[in-house]
Amino acid sequence: MAIVRWDPFRELEEMSDRLNRMIARPSTGTATGQGKEVMTVADWTPTVDISETESEYAIKAELPEVKKEDVKVTVEDAVLTIQGERKQEKEEKGKKYHRIERSYGRFVRSFTLPDSVDESKVRAEYADGVLHLHLPKSEKAKPKQIDVKIS
């Protein structure tokens, strides 16, 4: 009988891979040469609202106390990625914290875009700690009403 050393991180990675395959969700990592994907580790995850109108999809992400220059939005291969960092306040002399419940550090959120999104017209606005992303639908995806004539 061989003794195998237990590696909890390997088991977590295998469990994550099995879950991703089971729900058929694309991974948020980047591909490596061995066919494996490296997962991006985030310290916290901002909450988002996603809505749809006839002309566009809209994503609203809450990023309190995150500076505009610390936020990066990219669209690549039909995947929209929001990433950035919320920096922790520096300790001040004479100030004693009794509880810290808010999360700080890096964050990453990725969303697979539907084919109907016109990637070249995606725009972002940032105000009052809320990131607004507008993802217009392409002209071919918009519903068209056709009048039916009676003969």
Protein backbone atom coordinates (compact mmCIF):
# COMPACT_ATOMS: atom_id res chain seq x y z
CA MET A 1 0.00 0.00 0.00
CA ALA A 2 1.43 3.37 -1.04
CA ILE A 3 1.20 6.41 1.21
CA VAL A 4 -0.13 9.44 -0.65
CA ARG A 5 0.39 12.89 0.79
CA TRP A 6 -2.86 14.86 1.12
CA ASP A 7 -2.92 18.16 -0.75
CA PRO A 8 -6.08 20.13 0.12
CA PHE A 9 -5.48 22.72 -2.61
CA ARG A 10 -5.27 20.04 -5.30
CA GLU A 11 -8.56 18.60 -4.08
CA LEU A 12 -10.20 22.05 -4.13
CA GLU A 13 -8.96 22.62 -7.67
CA GLU A 14 -10.30 19.22 -8.79
CA MET A 15 -13.65 19.93 -7.13
CA SER A 16 -13.83 23.31 -8.85
CA ASP A 17 -13.04 21.70 -12.22
CA ARG A 18 -15.78 19.08 -11.69
CA LEU A 19 -18.32 21.75 -10.72
CA ASN A 20 -17.43 23.89 -13.75
CA ARG A 21 -17.88 20.90 -16.06
CA MET A 22 -21.12 19.91 -14.34
CA ILE A 23 -22.79 23.28 -14.80
CA ALA A 24 -21.06 23.91 -18.14
CA ARG A 25 -19.90 27.33 -17.04
CA PRO A 26 -16.76 28.78 -18.61
CA SER A 27 -13.91 29.25 -16.18
CA THR A 28 -12.74 32.75 -15.25
CA GLY A 29 -9.10 31.82 -15.67
CA THR A 30 -6.65 32.01 -18.52
CA ALA A 31 -5.36 29.04 -20.48
CA THR A 32 -1.91 27.61 -19.92
CA GLY A 33 0.15 25.36 -22.14
CA GLN A 34 -0.95 22.11 -20.48
CA GLY A 35 -4.65 22.61 -21.25
CA LYS A 36 -5.38 23.63 -17.65
CA GLU A 37 -6.74 27.01 -16.68
CA VAL A 38 -5.32 29.15 -13.92
CA MET A 39 -8.06 30.57 -11.73
CA THR A 40 -7.93 34.27 -10.91
CA VAL A 41 -8.08 34.77 -7.17
CA ALA A 42 -10.11 37.73 -5.95
CA ASP A 43 -10.24 39.12 -2.43
CA TRP A 44 -13.88 40.19 -2.76
CA THR A 45 -16.68 40.21 -5.29
CA PRO A 46 -18.75 43.31 -6.08
CA THR A 47 -22.50 42.84 -6.47
CA VAL A 48 -24.12 43.49 -9.84
CA ASP A 49 -27.56 43.98 -11.35
CA ILE A 50 -28.08 42.92 -14.97
CA SER A 51 -31.09 44.14 -16.91
CA GLU A 52 -32.28 44.09 -20.51
CA THR A 53 -34.30 46.44 -22.67
CA GLU A 54 -35.26 46.19 -26.31
CA SER A 55 -32.08 48.00 -27.35
CA GLU A 56 -29.41 46.98 -24.79
CA TYR A 57 -28.23 45.01 -21.80
CA ALA A 58 -27.17 47.01 -18.76
CA ILE A 59 -24.87 46.00 -15.93
CA LYS A 60 -24.72 48.02 -12.73
CA ALA A 61 -21.83 47.09 -10.39
CA GLU A 62 -21.47 48.45 -6.87
CA LEU A 63 -17.88 49.53 -6.24
CA PRO A 64 -18.00 51.67 -3.09
CA GLU A 65 -14.81 53.56 -2.27
CA VAL A 66 -13.08 52.33 -5.44
CA LYS A 67 -11.41 55.06 -7.46
CA LYS A 68 -12.14 55.28 -11.18
CA GLU A 69 -8.46 54.75 -12.01
CA ASP A 70 -8.51 51.47 -10.01
CA VAL A 71 -11.23 49.96 -12.26
CA LYS A 72 -10.54 48.24 -15.59
CA VAL A 73 -13.25 47.02 -17.99
CA THR A 74 -12.36 44.83 -20.96
CA VAL A 75 -14.28 42.96 -23.66
CA GLU A 76 -12.42 40.12 -25.33
CA ASP A 77 -13.72 37.01 -27.13
CA ALA A 78 -17.33 37.71 -26.03
CA VAL A 79 -16.35 37.97 -22.35
CA LEU A 80 -16.80 41.20 -20.40
CA THR A 81 -14.41 41.49 -17.45
CA ILE A 82 -14.54 44.04 -14.64
CA GLN A 83 -11.48 44.12 -12.41
CA GLY A 84 -9.86 46.43 -9.96
CA GLU A 85 -8.93 46.98 -6.36
CA ARG A 86 -10.39 48.58 -3.25
CA LYS A 87 -7.52 49.74 -1.08
CA GLN A 88 -7.66 49.51 2.69
CA GLU A 89 -7.26 52.66 4.73
CA LYS A 90 -3.84 53.12 6.25
CA GLU A 91 -3.66 52.75 10.00
CA GLU A 92 -3.62 56.02 11.80
CA LYS A 93 -1.89 56.54 15.13
CA GLY A 94 -4.34 56.77 17.98
CA LYS A 95 -7.07 54.99 16.00
CA LYS A 96 -8.10 51.54 17.18
CA TYR A 97 -10.39 49.33 15.10
CA HIS A 98 -12.89 47.16 16.96
CA ARG A 99 -14.28 45.45 13.88
CA ILE A 100 -13.49 45.39 10.16
CA GLU A 101 -16.22 43.69 8.12
CA ARG A 102 -15.81 45.31 4.72
CA SER A 103 -13.69 43.52 2.14
CA TYR A 104 -10.61 45.06 0.57
CA GLY A 105 -8.21 44.05 -2.16
CA ARG A 106 -8.53 42.85 -5.74
CA PHE A 107 -11.80 41.91 -7.42
CA VAL A 108 -12.69 40.30 -10.75
CA ARG A 109 -16.10 39.64 -12.34
CA SER A 110 -16.49 38.11 -15.80
CA PHE A 111 -19.63 37.70 -17.89
CA THR A 112 -20.08 35.81 -21.14
CA LEU A 113 -21.86 38.10 -23.57
CA PRO A 114 -24.71 36.94 -25.80
CA ASP A 115 -24.10 36.99 -29.55
CA SER A 116 -26.58 39.85 -29.89
CA VAL A 117 -24.23 42.35 -28.14
CA ASP A 118 -22.37 44.79 -30.37
CA GLU A 119 -18.96 44.62 -28.63
CA SER A 120 -17.62 47.67 -30.47
CA LYS A 121 -20.26 49.96 -28.89
CA VAL A 122 -19.95 48.94 -25.23
CA ARG A 123 -19.65 51.99 -22.99
CA ALA A 124 -19.00 52.51 -19.29
CA GLU A 125 -19.85 55.30 -16.86
CA TYR A 126 -18.69 55.58 -13.27
CA ALA A 127 -20.32 57.81 -10.64
CA ASP A 128 -20.89 57.65 -6.88
CA GLY A 129 -19.28 54.23 -6.52
CA VAL A 130 -21.49 52.60 -9.16
CA LEU A 131 -20.18 51.37 -12.51
CA HIS A 132 -22.81 51.49 -15.28
CA LEU A 133 -22.07 49.38 -18.36
CA HIS A 134 -24.19 49.72 -21.49
CA LEU A 135 -24.05 46.81 -23.92
CA PRO A 136 -26.06 47.76 -27.04
CA LYS A 137 -27.68 45.01 -29.08
CA SER A 138 -26.68 44.77 -32.73
CA GLU A 139 -29.22 45.88 -35.33
CA LYS A 140 -29.82 42.32 -36.51
CA ALA A 141 -30.78 41.24 -32.96
CA LYS A 142 -33.42 43.92 -32.41
CA PRO A 143 -36.98 42.73 -32.96
CA LYS A 144 -38.77 44.21 -35.96
CA GLN A 145 -42.50 44.50 -36.30
CA ILE A 146 -43.93 43.47 -39.63
CA ASP A 147 -47.33 44.70 -40.71
CA VAL A 148 -49.61 41.98 -42.00
CA LYS A 149 -51.75 43.08 -44.91
CA ILE A 150 -55.16 41.61 -45.50
CA SER A 151 -55.92 40.79 -49.09
